[in-house]
Amino acid sequence: MANWTIFSAREKITAFRKEKQRFYSKLGYHLDIDNPKSLNQKIVYKKLYDRNPLLTITADKYRVREYIHLILGSKTANEILVPLLYVGHDPEIIPFRKLPEEFIIKTNHASKTNILIDKNHATDYKLVIKQLHRWLIKPYGLFAHEWAYQKIPKLIIIEKRLWDSNGIPPKDLKFLMINGKCELIQVYSGRKDELTCSFYDNDWNYQNIQWKKTFGPPVEKPSRLEEMIIIAEKLSSPFDFVRVDLYAIKDRIYFGELTHYPASGRLEITPTSIDFLLGDNWKSTINYWKEKNNPSINIYNTLLHAFRTQNINSIPC
């Protein structure tokens, strides 16, 4: 924490020099924090200054489930939430023998802290436990200024593992939601082999946009795309910007997560004009969540009351 305090103080004194260096190194143009115009610049600005308390709840991979129930209703929530197999604090007491052959283990407070358990590959659970301990003691997002993750109570969650009809991980659809409207859809596929990303508009027209300087392949339109967009609109309604991640498996929709800082504000999309076009569509003030017609505070207070009645202590589901 001392290192973070020094880093944070130095960043503020130097007008976020390190953040600007990372931004330029990745995207090839300068980060303007005082007058952000592109999508990526505005995501960085959001990291630094947006203190909507609802960000922390919805960035939490466990507590966001309650948000889904509140916003969409329990019927829809139960349909789209990936079945939860276990939640707890201590890796040492996870009942691995009682779990199915395949599942996914996550921490709720971070990104890229996932362990896939595959029935076709032997798992050393002692190593799994050690890895979980390392993740649970490590704060996430401090040196990237990702405020929303800092106050999340750390947990381990275990969910059912999803497969599509071909026995491969399902396509991951990421809806870029600006002021409650879907502006672009990213479709990630090939996670088991080589990861690719294709871009589509709301009508499923392929967009000539590259991710990491590569065009993604054409992807079949999900059968329930219109419903997915409606879900994304409802979940994004309190926020000026959020990415809503959903999975499409045959005729099923599953919720992935809400991402407030995609790529930490260094999303590699070209041409760069798309980055600025998306940024131009993002209209809001930094205190948008305090405005009279914004539901963030009411939703936050409702959820906070619900969480106070919960006592999470290694809950098998």
C-alpha atoms as a PDB file:
ATOM      1  CA  MET A   1       0.000   0.000   0.000  1.00  0.00           C
ATOM      2  CA  ALA A   2       2.934   2.316   0.668  1.00  0.00           C
ATOM      3  CA  ASN A   3       4.116   1.810  -2.912  1.00  0.00           C
ATOM      4  CA  TRP A   4       0.632   2.703  -4.151  1.00  0.00           C
ATOM      5  CA  THR A   5       0.540   5.885  -2.041  1.00  0.00           C
ATOM      6  CA  ILE A   6       3.876   7.006  -3.473  1.00  0.00           C
ATOM      7  CA  PHE A   7       2.817   6.084  -7.005  1.00  0.00           C
ATOM      8  CA  SER A   8      -0.504   7.886  -6.694  1.00  0.00           C
ATOM      9  CA  ALA A   9       1.082  11.038  -5.289  1.00  0.00           C
ATOM     10  CA  ARG A  10       3.710  11.046  -8.028  1.00  0.00           C
ATOM     11  CA  GLU A  11       1.069  10.544 -10.711  1.00  0.00           C
ATOM     12  CA  LYS A  12      -0.975  13.496  -9.488  1.00  0.00           C
ATOM     13  CA  ILE A  13       2.063  15.760  -9.196  1.00  0.00           C
ATOM     14  CA  THR A  14       3.210  14.845 -12.709  1.00  0.00           C
ATOM     15  CA  ALA A  15      -0.298  15.145 -14.202  1.00  0.00           C
ATOM     16  CA  PHE A  16      -0.543  11.357 -14.574  1.00  0.00           C
ATOM     17  CA  ARG A  17       2.679  10.997 -16.512  1.00  0.00           C
ATOM     18  CA  LYS A  18       2.836   7.200 -16.251  1.00  0.00           C
ATOM     19  CA  GLU A  19      -0.753   6.801 -17.383  1.00  0.00           C
ATOM     20  CA  LYS A  20      -0.052   9.062 -20.350  1.00  0.00           C
ATOM     21  CA  GLN A  21       3.043   7.056 -21.262  1.00  0.00           C
ATOM     22  CA  ARG A  22       1.130   3.777 -21.205  1.00  0.00           C
ATOM     23  CA  PHE A  23      -1.662   5.294 -23.261  1.00  0.00           C
ATOM     24  CA  TYR A  24       0.651   6.636 -25.969  1.00  0.00           C
ATOM     25  CA  SER A  25       2.696   3.440 -26.081  1.00  0.00           C
ATOM     26  CA  LYS A  26      -0.411   1.342 -26.704  1.00  0.00           C
ATOM     27  CA  LEU A  27      -2.530   3.619 -28.923  1.00  0.00           C
ATOM     28  CA  GLY A  28      -0.033   5.905 -30.662  1.00  0.00           C
ATOM     29  CA  TYR A  29      -1.710   9.197 -29.793  1.00  0.00           C
ATOM     30  CA  HIS A  30      -1.608  11.381 -26.691  1.00  0.00           C
ATOM     31  CA  LEU A  31      -3.911  11.140 -23.700  1.00  0.00           C
ATOM     32  CA  ASP A  32      -5.758  14.403 -23.111  1.00  0.00           C
ATOM     33  CA  ILE A  33      -7.189  14.231 -19.602  1.00  0.00           C
ATOM     34  CA  ASP A  34      -8.254  17.884 -19.414  1.00  0.00           C
ATOM     35  CA  ASN A  35     -10.352  17.703 -22.577  1.00  0.00           C
ATOM     36  CA  PRO A  36     -10.967  14.017 -23.381  1.00  0.00           C
ATOM     37  CA  LYS A  37     -12.508  13.383 -26.790  1.00  0.00           C
ATOM     38  CA  SER A  38     -11.968   9.746 -27.780  1.00  0.00           C
ATOM     39  CA  LEU A  39     -13.628   6.720 -26.183  1.00  0.00           C
ATOM     40  CA  ASN A  40     -10.329   5.633 -24.658  1.00  0.00           C
ATOM     41  CA  GLN A  41      -9.547   9.091 -23.303  1.00  0.00           C
ATOM     42  CA  LYS A  42     -12.975   9.248 -21.674  1.00  0.00           C
ATOM     43  CA  ILE A  43     -12.551   5.773 -20.135  1.00  0.00           C
ATOM     44  CA  VAL A  44      -9.316   6.976 -18.512  1.00  0.00           C
ATOM     45  CA  TYR A  45     -11.101  10.112 -17.319  1.00  0.00           C
ATOM     46  CA  LYS A  46     -13.808   7.851 -15.862  1.00  0.00           C
ATOM     47  CA  LYS A  47     -11.161   5.844 -14.002  1.00  0.00           C
ATOM     48  CA  LEU A  48      -9.696   8.981 -12.476  1.00  0.00           C
ATOM     49  CA  TYR A  49     -12.817  10.941 -11.570  1.00  0.00           C
ATOM     50  CA  ASP A  50     -16.103   8.982 -11.721  1.00  0.00           C
ATOM     51  CA  ARG A  51     -17.028   8.019  -8.159  1.00  0.00           C
ATOM     52  CA  ASN A  52     -20.501   6.630  -8.708  1.00  0.00           C
ATOM     53  CA  PRO A  53     -20.806   4.152  -5.771  1.00  0.00           C
ATOM     54  CA  LEU A  54     -22.764   1.778  -8.004  1.00  0.00           C
ATOM     55  CA  LEU A  55     -19.570   1.125  -9.989  1.00  0.00           C
ATOM     56  CA  THR A  56     -18.087  -0.906  -7.139  1.00  0.00           C
ATOM     57  CA  ILE A  57     -21.166  -3.107  -6.721  1.00  0.00           C
ATOM     58  CA  THR A  58     -21.510  -3.826 -10.429  1.00  0.00           C
ATOM     59  CA  ALA A  59     -17.783  -4.460 -10.916  1.00  0.00           C
ATOM     60  CA  ASP A  60     -18.057  -7.144  -8.225  1.00  0.00           C
ATOM     61  CA  LYS A  61     -18.608 -10.473  -9.994  1.00  0.00           C
ATOM     62  CA  TYR A  62     -20.650 -11.762  -7.044  1.00  0.00           C
ATOM     63  CA  ARG A  63     -22.697  -8.758  -5.929  1.00  0.00           C
ATOM     64  CA  VAL A  64     -23.578  -7.852  -9.521  1.00  0.00           C
ATOM     65  CA  ARG A  65     -25.935 -10.845  -9.399  1.00  0.00           C
ATOM     66  CA  GLU A  66     -28.181  -8.965  -6.991  1.00  0.00           C
ATOM     67  CA  TYR A  67     -28.074  -5.981  -9.339  1.00  0.00           C
ATOM     68  CA  ILE A  68     -29.224  -8.233 -12.198  1.00  0.00           C
ATOM     69  CA  HIS A  69     -32.174  -9.450 -10.114  1.00  0.00           C
ATOM     70  CA  LEU A  70     -33.145  -5.905  -9.175  1.00  0.00           C
ATOM     71  CA  ILE A  71     -32.921  -4.436 -12.682  1.00  0.00           C
ATOM     72  CA  LEU A  72     -34.221  -7.330 -14.793  1.00  0.00           C
ATOM     73  CA  GLY A  73     -36.447  -9.142 -12.311  1.00  0.00           C
ATOM     74  CA  SER A  74     -35.825 -12.590 -10.856  1.00  0.00           C
ATOM     75  CA  LYS A  75     -37.357 -14.520 -13.774  1.00  0.00           C
ATOM     76  CA  THR A  76     -34.945 -13.070 -16.340  1.00  0.00           C
ATOM     77  CA  ALA A  77     -32.057 -13.031 -13.872  1.00  0.00           C
ATOM     78  CA  ASN A  78     -32.469 -16.737 -13.143  1.00  0.00           C
ATOM     79  CA  GLU A  79     -32.474 -17.432 -16.883  1.00  0.00           C
ATOM     80  CA  ILE A  80     -29.333 -15.494 -17.772  1.00  0.00           C
ATOM     81  CA  LEU A  81     -27.094 -15.835 -14.717  1.00  0.00           C
ATOM     82  CA  VAL A  82     -24.554 -18.644 -15.002  1.00  0.00           C
ATOM     83  CA  PRO A  83     -25.385 -21.233 -12.292  1.00  0.00           C
ATOM     84  CA  LEU A  84     -23.410 -20.508  -9.140  1.00  0.00           C
ATOM     85  CA  LEU A  85     -21.868 -23.605  -7.549  1.00  0.00           C
ATOM     86  CA  TYR A  86     -19.996 -22.110  -4.614  1.00  0.00           C
ATOM     87  CA  VAL A  87     -19.005 -18.831  -2.972  1.00  0.00           C
ATOM     88  CA  GLY A  88     -16.660 -18.360  -0.035  1.00  0.00           C
ATOM     89  CA  HIS A  89     -13.672 -16.572   1.459  1.00  0.00           C
ATOM     90  CA  ASP A  90     -11.190 -19.369   2.129  1.00  0.00           C
ATOM     91  CA  PRO A  91      -9.562 -21.438  -0.674  1.00  0.00           C
ATOM     92  CA  GLU A  92      -8.621 -24.125   1.843  1.00  0.00           C
ATOM     93  CA  ILE A  93     -12.208 -25.242   2.426  1.00  0.00           C
ATOM     94  CA  ILE A  94     -13.552 -25.326  -1.119  1.00  0.00           C
ATOM     95  CA  PRO A  95     -15.374 -28.692  -1.405  1.00  0.00           C
ATOM     96  CA  PHE A  96     -13.751 -29.750  -4.678  1.00  0.00           C
ATOM     97  CA  ARG A  97     -14.953 -33.347  -4.326  1.00  0.00           C
ATOM     98  CA  LYS A  98     -18.574 -32.223  -4.255  1.00  0.00           C
ATOM     99  CA  LEU A  99     -18.262 -30.125  -7.420  1.00  0.00           C
ATOM    100  CA  PRO A 100     -18.960 -31.388 -10.953  1.00  0.00           C
ATOM    101  CA  GLU A 101     -16.218 -32.543 -13.314  1.00  0.00           C
ATOM    102  CA  GLU A 102     -15.943 -29.140 -14.981  1.00  0.00           C
ATOM    103  CA  PHE A 103     -16.367 -25.626 -13.646  1.00  0.00           C
ATOM    104  CA  ILE A 104     -14.724 -22.215 -13.566  1.00  0.00           C
ATOM    105  CA  ILE A 105     -13.191 -20.634 -10.474  1.00  0.00           C
ATOM    106  CA  LYS A 106     -12.962 -16.844 -10.215  1.00  0.00           C
ATOM    107  CA  THR A 107     -12.179 -14.140  -7.755  1.00  0.00           C
ATOM    108  CA  ASN A 108     -14.894 -11.509  -7.675  1.00  0.00           C
ATOM    109  CA  HIS A 109     -12.670  -8.428  -7.355  1.00  0.00           C
ATOM    110  CA  ALA A 110     -10.430  -8.588 -10.399  1.00  0.00           C
ATOM    111  CA  SER A 111     -10.027  -9.345 -14.084  1.00  0.00           C
ATOM    112  CA  LYS A 112      -8.193 -12.331 -15.560  1.00  0.00           C
ATOM    113  CA  THR A 113      -8.281 -14.256 -12.273  1.00  0.00           C
ATOM    114  CA  ASN A 114      -9.993 -17.344 -13.662  1.00  0.00           C
ATOM    115  CA  ILE A 115      -9.140 -21.025 -13.470  1.00  0.00           C
ATOM    116  CA  LEU A 116     -10.849 -23.429 -15.866  1.00  0.00           C
ATOM    117  CA  ILE A 117     -11.297 -26.961 -14.572  1.00  0.00           C
ATOM    118  CA  ASP A 118     -11.453 -29.435 -17.458  1.00  0.00           C
ATOM    119  CA  LYS A 119     -12.479 -33.057 -17.023  1.00  0.00           C
ATOM    120  CA  ASN A 120      -9.980 -34.065 -19.717  1.00  0.00           C
ATOM    121  CA  HIS A 121      -7.006 -32.623 -17.848  1.00  0.00           C
ATOM    122  CA  ALA A 122      -5.803 -33.522 -14.366  1.00  0.00           C
ATOM    123  CA  THR A 123      -5.985 -30.674 -11.852  1.00  0.00           C
ATOM    124  CA  ASP A 124      -3.533 -30.146  -8.998  1.00  0.00           C
ATOM    125  CA  TYR A 125      -5.848 -28.540  -6.461  1.00  0.00           C
ATOM    126  CA  LYS A 126      -2.963 -27.655  -4.159  1.00  0.00           C
ATOM    127  CA  LEU A 127      -1.658 -25.361  -6.885  1.00  0.00           C
ATOM    128  CA  VAL A 128      -5.160 -23.993  -7.435  1.00  0.00           C
ATOM    129  CA  ILE A 129      -5.436 -23.133  -3.740  1.00  0.00           C
ATOM    130  CA  LYS A 130      -2.030 -21.418  -3.758  1.00  0.00           C
ATOM    131  CA  GLN A 131      -2.990 -19.368  -6.787  1.00  0.00           C
ATOM    132  CA  LEU A 132      -6.267 -18.295  -5.173  1.00  0.00           C
ATOM    133  CA  HIS A 133      -4.431 -17.201  -2.023  1.00  0.00           C
ATOM    134  CA  ARG A 134      -2.107 -15.055  -4.151  1.00  0.00           C
ATOM    135  CA  TRP A 135      -5.028 -13.441  -5.969  1.00  0.00           C
ATOM    136  CA  LEU A 136      -6.995 -12.785  -2.779  1.00  0.00           C
ATOM    137  CA  ILE A 137      -4.195 -10.912  -1.006  1.00  0.00           C
ATOM    138  CA  LYS A 138      -3.336  -8.822  -4.046  1.00  0.00           C
ATOM    139  CA  PRO A 139      -5.268  -5.590  -4.641  1.00  0.00           C
ATOM    140  CA  TYR A 140      -6.417  -5.174  -8.211  1.00  0.00           C
ATOM    141  CA  GLY A 141      -6.279  -2.110 -10.403  1.00  0.00           C
ATOM    142  CA  LEU A 142      -4.366   0.168  -8.025  1.00  0.00           C
ATOM    143  CA  PHE A 143      -1.574   1.078 -10.404  1.00  0.00           C
ATOM    144  CA  ALA A 144      -4.039   1.391 -13.286  1.00  0.00           C
ATOM    145  CA  HIS A 145      -6.219   3.869 -11.329  1.00  0.00           C
ATOM    146  CA  GLU A 146      -9.214   1.515 -11.584  1.00  0.00           C
ATOM    147  CA  TRP A 147     -11.134   2.888  -8.624  1.00  0.00           C
ATOM    148  CA  ALA A 148     -14.208   0.653  -8.870  1.00  0.00           C
ATOM    149  CA  TYR A 149     -12.278  -2.459  -7.787  1.00  0.00           C
ATOM    150  CA  GLN A 150     -10.680  -1.046  -4.656  1.00  0.00           C
ATOM    151  CA  LYS A 151     -13.471  -1.563  -2.126  1.00  0.00           C
ATOM    152  CA  ILE A 152     -14.835  -4.888  -3.354  1.00  0.00           C
ATOM    153  CA  PRO A 153     -14.940  -7.465  -0.503  1.00  0.00           C
ATOM    154  CA  LYS A 154     -12.814 -10.306  -1.900  1.00  0.00           C
ATOM    155  CA  LEU A 155     -14.484 -13.661  -2.529  1.00  0.00           C
ATOM    156  CA  ILE A 156     -14.010 -16.879  -4.465  1.00  0.00           C
ATOM    157  CA  ILE A 157     -16.877 -17.822  -6.749  1.00  0.00           C
ATOM    158  CA  ILE A 158     -17.310 -21.048  -8.682  1.00  0.00           C
ATOM    159  CA  GLU A 159     -19.693 -21.237 -11.615  1.00  0.00           C
ATOM    160  CA  LYS A 160     -20.848 -23.819 -14.103  1.00  0.00           C
ATOM    161  CA  ARG A 161     -18.596 -23.983 -17.142  1.00  0.00           C
ATOM    162  CA  LEU A 162     -20.299 -22.977 -20.385  1.00  0.00           C
ATOM    163  CA  TRP A 163     -19.825 -24.724 -23.732  1.00  0.00           C
ATOM    164  CA  ASP A 164     -21.486 -24.129 -27.064  1.00  0.00           C
ATOM    165  CA  SER A 165     -23.050 -26.891 -29.171  1.00  0.00           C
ATOM    166  CA  ASN A 166     -19.637 -27.766 -30.665  1.00  0.00           C
ATOM    167  CA  GLY A 167     -18.015 -28.337 -27.299  1.00  0.00           C
ATOM    168  CA  ILE A 168     -15.952 -25.137 -27.385  1.00  0.00           C
ATOM    169  CA  PRO A 169     -16.184 -21.965 -25.274  1.00  0.00           C
ATOM    170  CA  PRO A 170     -19.125 -19.813 -26.391  1.00  0.00           C
ATOM    171  CA  LYS A 171     -18.715 -16.574 -28.310  1.00  0.00           C
ATOM    172  CA  ASP A 172     -18.407 -13.598 -26.015  1.00  0.00           C
ATOM    173  CA  LEU A 173     -20.507 -10.603 -27.090  1.00  0.00           C
ATOM    174  CA  LYS A 174     -19.494  -7.296 -25.567  1.00  0.00           C
ATOM    175  CA  PHE A 175     -21.962  -4.443 -25.975  1.00  0.00           C
ATOM    176  CA  LEU A 176     -20.392  -0.982 -25.753  1.00  0.00           C
ATOM    177  CA  MET A 177     -23.134   1.038 -24.101  1.00  0.00           C
ATOM    178  CA  ILE A 178     -22.933   4.830 -24.186  1.00  0.00           C
ATOM    179  CA  ASN A 179     -25.653   6.760 -22.357  1.00  0.00           C
ATOM    180  CA  GLY A 180     -27.807   3.618 -22.356  1.00  0.00           C
ATOM    181  CA  LYS A 181     -27.506   2.981 -26.098  1.00  0.00           C
ATOM    182  CA  CYS A 182     -25.546   0.223 -27.806  1.00  0.00           C
ATOM    183  CA  GLU A 183     -22.989   1.903 -30.070  1.00  0.00           C
ATOM    184  CA  LEU A 184     -20.919  -1.136 -31.050  1.00  0.00           C
ATOM    185  CA  ILE A 185     -20.770  -4.891 -30.455  1.00  0.00           C
ATOM    186  CA  GLN A 186     -17.474  -6.719 -30.035  1.00  0.00           C
ATOM    187  CA  VAL A 187     -17.580 -10.461 -30.667  1.00  0.00           C
ATOM    188  CA  TYR A 188     -14.694 -12.433 -29.208  1.00  0.00           C
ATOM    189  CA  SER A 189     -14.222 -15.985 -30.416  1.00  0.00           C
ATOM    190  CA  GLY A 190     -11.510 -18.618 -30.594  1.00  0.00           C
ATOM    191  CA  ARG A 191     -10.547 -18.296 -26.939  1.00  0.00           C
ATOM    192  CA  LYS A 192      -9.414 -21.927 -26.852  1.00  0.00           C
ATOM    193  CA  ASP A 193      -6.994 -21.325 -29.709  1.00  0.00           C
ATOM    194  CA  GLU A 194      -6.300 -17.905 -31.192  1.00  0.00           C
ATOM    195  CA  LEU A 195      -8.470 -15.093 -29.853  1.00  0.00           C
ATOM    196  CA  THR A 196     -10.141 -12.887 -32.471  1.00  0.00           C
ATOM    197  CA  CYS A 197     -12.488  -9.917 -32.254  1.00  0.00           C
ATOM    198  CA  SER A 198     -15.115  -8.925 -34.820  1.00  0.00           C
ATOM    199  CA  PHE A 199     -17.242  -5.773 -34.711  1.00  0.00           C
ATOM    200  CA  TYR A 200     -20.931  -5.359 -35.519  1.00  0.00           C
ATOM    201  CA  ASP A 201     -23.579  -2.681 -35.259  1.00  0.00           C
ATOM    202  CA  ASN A 202     -27.038  -3.208 -33.739  1.00  0.00           C
ATOM    203  CA  ASP A 203     -28.399  -4.636 -36.985  1.00  0.00           C
ATOM    204  CA  TRP A 204     -25.546  -7.146 -37.189  1.00  0.00           C
ATOM    205  CA  ASN A 205     -23.751  -5.419 -40.039  1.00  0.00           C
ATOM    206  CA  TYR A 206     -20.066  -6.281 -40.039  1.00  0.00           C
ATOM    207  CA  GLN A 207     -17.870  -3.246 -39.325  1.00  0.00           C
ATOM    208  CA  ASN A 208     -14.459  -2.703 -40.906  1.00  0.00           C
ATOM    209  CA  ILE A 209     -12.766  -2.207 -37.579  1.00  0.00           C
ATOM    210  CA  GLN A 210      -9.561  -3.910 -36.511  1.00  0.00           C
ATOM    211  CA  TRP A 211      -8.678  -5.114 -33.037  1.00  0.00           C
ATOM    212  CA  LYS A 212      -4.936  -5.179 -32.428  1.00  0.00           C
ATOM    213  CA  LYS A 213      -4.482  -4.456 -36.156  1.00  0.00           C
ATOM    214  CA  THR A 214      -6.394  -7.572 -37.213  1.00  0.00           C
ATOM    215  CA  PHE A 215      -9.873  -8.007 -38.669  1.00  0.00           C
ATOM    216  CA  GLY A 216     -12.016 -10.645 -36.993  1.00  0.00           C
ATOM    217  CA  PRO A 217     -13.941 -13.237 -39.034  1.00  0.00           C
ATOM    218  CA  PRO A 218     -17.644 -12.969 -39.900  1.00  0.00           C
ATOM    219  CA  VAL A 219     -19.808 -14.384 -37.117  1.00  0.00           C
ATOM    220  CA  GLU A 220     -23.337 -15.780 -37.345  1.00  0.00           C
ATOM    221  CA  LYS A 221     -25.990 -13.495 -35.886  1.00  0.00           C
ATOM    222  CA  PRO A 222     -27.247 -14.677 -32.488  1.00  0.00           C
ATOM    223  CA  SER A 223     -30.853 -15.820 -32.627  1.00  0.00           C
ATOM    224  CA  ARG A 224     -31.834 -13.555 -29.723  1.00  0.00           C
ATOM    225  CA  LEU A 225     -29.747 -10.493 -30.567  1.00  0.00           C
ATOM    226  CA  GLU A 226     -32.622  -8.053 -30.085  1.00  0.00           C
ATOM    227  CA  GLU A 227     -33.263  -9.403 -26.575  1.00  0.00           C
ATOM    228  CA  MET A 228     -29.565  -9.153 -25.766  1.00  0.00           C
ATOM    229  CA  ILE A 229     -29.573  -5.487 -26.758  1.00  0.00           C
ATOM    230  CA  ILE A 230     -32.633  -4.821 -24.570  1.00  0.00           C
ATOM    231  CA  ILE A 231     -30.911  -6.517 -21.622  1.00  0.00           C
ATOM    232  CA  ALA A 232     -27.771  -4.459 -22.226  1.00  0.00           C
ATOM    233  CA  GLU A 233     -29.825  -1.252 -22.379  1.00  0.00           C
ATOM    234  CA  LYS A 234     -31.530  -1.974 -19.056  1.00  0.00           C
ATOM    235  CA  LEU A 235     -28.313  -2.953 -17.272  1.00  0.00           C
ATOM    236  CA  SER A 236     -26.458   0.096 -18.563  1.00  0.00           C
ATOM    237  CA  SER A 237     -29.195   2.622 -17.791  1.00  0.00           C
ATOM    238  CA  PRO A 238     -27.612   4.119 -14.615  1.00  0.00           C
ATOM    239  CA  PHE A 239     -24.218   4.666 -16.274  1.00  0.00           C
ATOM    240  CA  ASP A 240     -22.836   7.084 -18.834  1.00  0.00           C
ATOM    241  CA  PHE A 241     -20.691   4.249 -20.177  1.00  0.00           C
ATOM    242  CA  VAL A 242     -20.311   0.534 -19.496  1.00  0.00           C
ATOM    243  CA  ARG A 243     -19.552  -2.586 -21.479  1.00  0.00           C
ATOM    244  CA  VAL A 244     -22.147  -5.317 -20.995  1.00  0.00           C
ATOM    245  CA  ASP A 245     -20.768  -8.809 -21.626  1.00  0.00           C
ATOM    246  CA  LEU A 246     -23.192 -11.551 -22.642  1.00  0.00           C
ATOM    247  CA  TYR A 247     -22.884 -15.059 -24.077  1.00  0.00           C
ATOM    248  CA  ALA A 248     -25.098 -16.598 -26.747  1.00  0.00           C
ATOM    249  CA  ILE A 249     -25.423 -20.398 -26.720  1.00  0.00           C
ATOM    250  CA  LYS A 250     -28.021 -21.707 -29.181  1.00  0.00           C
ATOM    251  CA  ASP A 251     -31.209 -20.017 -28.002  1.00  0.00           C
ATOM    252  CA  ARG A 252     -29.865 -19.174 -24.528  1.00  0.00           C
ATOM    253  CA  ILE A 253     -28.491 -15.894 -23.233  1.00  0.00           C
ATOM    254  CA  TYR A 254     -26.037 -15.825 -20.342  1.00  0.00           C
ATOM    255  CA  PHE A 255     -24.664 -12.855 -18.438  1.00  0.00           C
ATOM    256  CA  GLY A 256     -20.897 -12.427 -18.263  1.00  0.00           C
ATOM    257  CA  GLU A 257     -20.029  -9.217 -16.444  1.00  0.00           C
ATOM    258  CA  LEU A 258     -20.223  -5.429 -16.472  1.00  0.00           C
ATOM    259  CA  THR A 259     -16.934  -3.792 -17.411  1.00  0.00           C
ATOM    260  CA  HIS A 260     -16.509  -0.116 -16.624  1.00  0.00           C
ATOM    261  CA  TYR A 261     -12.925   0.277 -17.843  1.00  0.00           C
ATOM    262  CA  PRO A 262     -12.433  -1.897 -20.945  1.00  0.00           C
ATOM    263  CA  ALA A 263      -8.710  -2.483 -21.535  1.00  0.00           C
ATOM    264  CA  SER A 264      -8.167   0.157 -18.828  1.00  0.00           C
ATOM    265  CA  GLY A 265      -8.806   2.826 -21.459  1.00  0.00           C
ATOM    266  CA  ARG A 266      -6.358   1.380 -23.954  1.00  0.00           C
ATOM    267  CA  LEU A 267      -8.692  -0.516 -26.279  1.00  0.00           C
ATOM    268  CA  GLU A 268      -6.742  -1.162 -29.485  1.00  0.00           C
ATOM    269  CA  ILE A 269      -9.203  -0.366 -32.268  1.00  0.00           C
ATOM    270  CA  THR A 270      -8.394   1.042 -35.685  1.00  0.00           C
ATOM    271  CA  PRO A 271      -9.038   3.211 -37.559  1.00  0.00           C
ATOM    272  CA  THR A 272      -8.520   5.698 -34.731  1.00  0.00           C
ATOM    273  CA  SER A 273     -11.409   7.739 -36.135  1.00  0.00           C
ATOM    274  CA  ILE A 274     -13.782   5.109 -34.661  1.00  0.00           C
ATOM    275  CA  ASP A 275     -12.275   5.748 -31.229  1.00  0.00           C
ATOM    276  CA  PHE A 276     -13.030   9.460 -31.571  1.00  0.00           C
ATOM    277  CA  LEU A 277     -16.470   8.873 -33.101  1.00  0.00           C
ATOM    278  CA  LEU A 278     -17.482   6.741 -30.114  1.00  0.00           C
ATOM    279  CA  GLY A 279     -16.049   9.343 -27.772  1.00  0.00           C
ATOM    280  CA  ASP A 280     -18.063  12.063 -29.471  1.00  0.00           C
ATOM    281  CA  ASN A 281     -21.251  10.056 -28.848  1.00  0.00           C
ATOM    282  CA  TRP A 282     -20.451   9.872 -25.126  1.00  0.00           C
ATOM    283  CA  LYS A 283     -22.162  12.914 -23.629  1.00  0.00           C
ATOM    284  CA  SER A 284     -22.176  13.338 -19.858  1.00  0.00           C
ATOM    285  CA  THR A 285     -20.817  15.224 -16.879  1.00  0.00           C
ATOM    286  CA  ILE A 286     -18.590  13.623 -14.271  1.00  0.00           C
ATOM    287  CA  ASN A 287     -21.417  13.801 -11.709  1.00  0.00           C
ATOM    288  CA  TYR A 288     -24.041  12.349 -14.061  1.00  0.00           C
ATOM    289  CA  TRP A 289     -25.005   9.867 -11.346  1.00  0.00           C
ATOM    290  CA  LYS A 290     -26.121  12.657  -9.016  1.00  0.00           C
ATOM    291  CA  GLU A 291     -28.603  14.069 -11.502  1.00  0.00           C
ATOM    292  CA  LYS A 292     -32.266  13.928 -10.563  1.00  0.00           C
ATOM    293  CA  ASN A 293     -33.322  11.488 -13.287  1.00  0.00           C
ATOM    294  CA  ASN A 294     -30.434   9.071 -12.691  1.00  0.00           C
ATOM    295  CA  PRO A 295     -31.338   6.002 -10.579  1.00  0.00           C
ATOM    296  CA  SER A 296     -27.807   5.192  -9.340  1.00  0.00           C
ATOM    297  CA  ILE A 297     -28.203   6.366  -5.742  1.00  0.00           C
ATOM    298  CA  ASN A 298     -31.604   4.714  -5.250  1.00  0.00           C
ATOM    299  CA  ILE A 299     -30.332   1.441  -6.708  1.00  0.00           C
ATOM    300  CA  TYR A 300     -27.173   1.623  -4.598  1.00  0.00           C
ATOM    301  CA  ASN A 301     -29.124   2.190  -1.373  1.00  0.00           C
ATOM    302  CA  THR A 302     -31.533  -0.654  -2.183  1.00  0.00           C
ATOM    303  CA  LEU A 303     -28.675  -3.061  -2.844  1.00  0.00           C
ATOM    304  CA  LEU A 304     -26.726  -1.926   0.196  1.00  0.00           C
ATOM    305  CA  HIS A 305     -29.698  -2.745   2.406  1.00  0.00           C
ATOM    306  CA  ALA A 306     -29.976  -6.202   0.808  1.00  0.00           C
ATOM    307  CA  PHE A 307     -26.267  -6.915   1.324  1.00  0.00           C
ATOM    308  CA  ARG A 308     -26.432  -5.998   5.002  1.00  0.00           C
ATOM    309  CA  THR A 309     -28.811  -8.896   5.578  1.00  0.00           C
ATOM    310  CA  GLN A 310     -26.460 -11.375   3.920  1.00  0.00           C
ATOM    311  CA  ASN A 311     -23.815 -13.347   5.769  1.00  0.00           C
ATOM    312  CA  ILE A 312     -21.429 -14.918   3.302  1.00  0.00           C
ATOM    313  CA  ASN A 313     -19.382 -17.626   4.960  1.00  0.00           C
ATOM    314  CA  SER A 314     -18.545 -20.391   2.532  1.00  0.00           C
ATOM    315  CA  ILE A 315     -21.925 -20.911   0.933  1.00  0.00           C
ATOM    316  CA  PRO A 316     -22.261 -24.062  -1.227  1.00  0.00           C
ATOM    317  CA  CYS A 317     -25.036 -23.643  -3.779  1.00  0.00           C
END
